[in-house]
Amino acid sequence: MVEDNTESIRRELVTIINSNPEAREELEKEHGKDNVWNTDEASEKFEFVGFMAPFVIVERKSDGKKGTLTFQHSPRFYFDFRLN
């Protein structure tokens, strides 16, 4: 079994993000209007490859580039795409 050295940090981030989830408008102010997606929008733009909350590994459909998105649980929004 592979040790996950990021688990404690990710769990803390999940708690922080989901204890005070932001409305879409607030996420757009923080991350940019074109960098926040609901599930349907994210699925149109990205292929979901992997998952380690609060992050998902994605491949952008337009150019095949891989990166990560951060997400909050409810309301579910994906945001802050970063190229790997």
Protein backbone atom coordinates (compact mmCIF):
# COMPACT_ATOMS: atom_id res chain seq x y z
CA MET A 1 0.00 0.00 0.00
CA VAL A 2 1.28 3.45 -0.95
CA GLU A 3 1.47 5.97 1.86
CA ASP A 4 -0.47 9.19 1.26
CA ASN A 5 1.64 11.98 2.71
CA THR A 6 -1.02 14.55 1.77
CA GLU A 7 -3.97 12.97 3.59
CA SER A 8 -3.89 15.10 6.76
CA ILE A 9 -3.47 18.32 4.79
CA ARG A 10 -6.26 17.39 2.37
CA ARG A 11 -8.60 16.45 5.22
CA GLU A 12 -7.97 19.82 6.82
CA LEU A 13 -8.68 21.59 3.51
CA VAL A 14 -11.90 19.60 3.05
CA THR A 15 -13.04 20.70 6.50
CA ILE A 16 -12.15 24.33 5.85
CA ILE A 17 -13.77 24.46 2.39
CA ASN A 18 -16.95 22.64 3.35
CA SER A 19 -17.50 24.26 6.76
CA ASN A 20 -18.22 27.55 5.01
CA PRO A 21 -19.01 26.79 1.34
CA GLU A 22 -19.14 29.82 -0.88
CA ALA A 23 -21.79 30.89 -3.34
CA ARG A 24 -20.80 30.84 -7.01
CA GLU A 25 -20.53 34.63 -7.07
CA GLU A 26 -17.97 34.61 -4.24
CA LEU A 27 -15.94 31.85 -5.88
CA GLU A 28 -15.97 33.82 -9.14
CA LYS A 29 -14.69 36.93 -7.34
CA GLU A 30 -11.86 34.90 -5.83
CA HIS A 31 -10.92 32.64 -8.76
CA GLY A 32 -12.28 34.44 -11.83
CA LYS A 33 -15.60 34.18 -13.62
CA ASP A 34 -14.22 31.68 -16.18
CA ASN A 35 -12.62 29.49 -13.50
CA VAL A 36 -15.72 28.22 -11.61
CA TRP A 37 -18.00 25.41 -12.84
CA ASN A 38 -20.94 23.39 -11.59
CA THR A 39 -20.81 19.62 -12.22
CA ASP A 40 -22.42 19.75 -15.67
CA GLU A 41 -20.20 22.62 -16.82
CA ALA A 42 -17.05 20.96 -15.50
CA SER A 43 -18.00 17.68 -17.22
CA GLU A 44 -18.36 19.51 -20.54
CA LYS A 45 -14.94 21.14 -20.22
CA PHE A 46 -12.92 18.39 -18.49
CA GLU A 47 -12.46 14.64 -18.39
CA PHE A 48 -12.25 13.57 -14.74
CA VAL A 49 -9.21 11.32 -14.25
CA GLY A 50 -8.65 11.01 -10.48
CA PHE A 51 -10.02 12.10 -7.16
CA MET A 52 -8.44 13.00 -3.81
CA ALA A 53 -10.75 15.42 -2.03
CA PRO A 54 -10.78 18.38 -2.17
CA PHE A 55 -9.02 17.95 -5.53
CA VAL A 56 -9.78 16.20 -8.79
CA ILE A 57 -7.28 15.49 -11.52
CA VAL A 58 -8.70 16.43 -14.90
CA GLU A 59 -7.80 16.56 -18.55
CA ARG A 60 -9.02 19.64 -20.38
CA LYS A 61 -11.00 18.48 -23.41
CA SER A 62 -10.06 21.45 -25.60
CA ASP A 63 -6.32 20.70 -25.64
CA GLY A 64 -5.70 17.51 -23.63
CA LYS A 65 -3.70 19.31 -20.92
CA LYS A 66 -3.86 17.80 -17.45
CA GLY A 67 -4.39 19.74 -14.28
CA THR A 68 -6.27 19.88 -11.01
CA LEU A 69 -9.51 21.43 -9.85
CA THR A 70 -10.51 22.14 -6.28
CA PHE A 71 -14.11 21.45 -5.30
CA GLN A 72 -16.56 22.08 -2.50
CA HIS A 73 -19.27 19.61 -1.62
CA SER A 74 -22.50 21.59 -1.35
CA PRO A 75 -23.28 23.55 -3.32
CA ARG A 76 -20.95 21.54 -5.60
CA PHE A 77 -18.63 23.79 -7.52
CA TYR A 78 -15.28 23.05 -9.12
CA PHE A 79 -12.82 25.92 -9.32
CA ASP A 80 -9.22 27.07 -9.59
CA PHE A 81 -7.98 24.98 -12.53
CA ARG A 82 -4.22 24.59 -12.36
CA LEU A 83 -2.07 22.97 -15.01
CA ASN A 84 0.20 20.18 -13.83
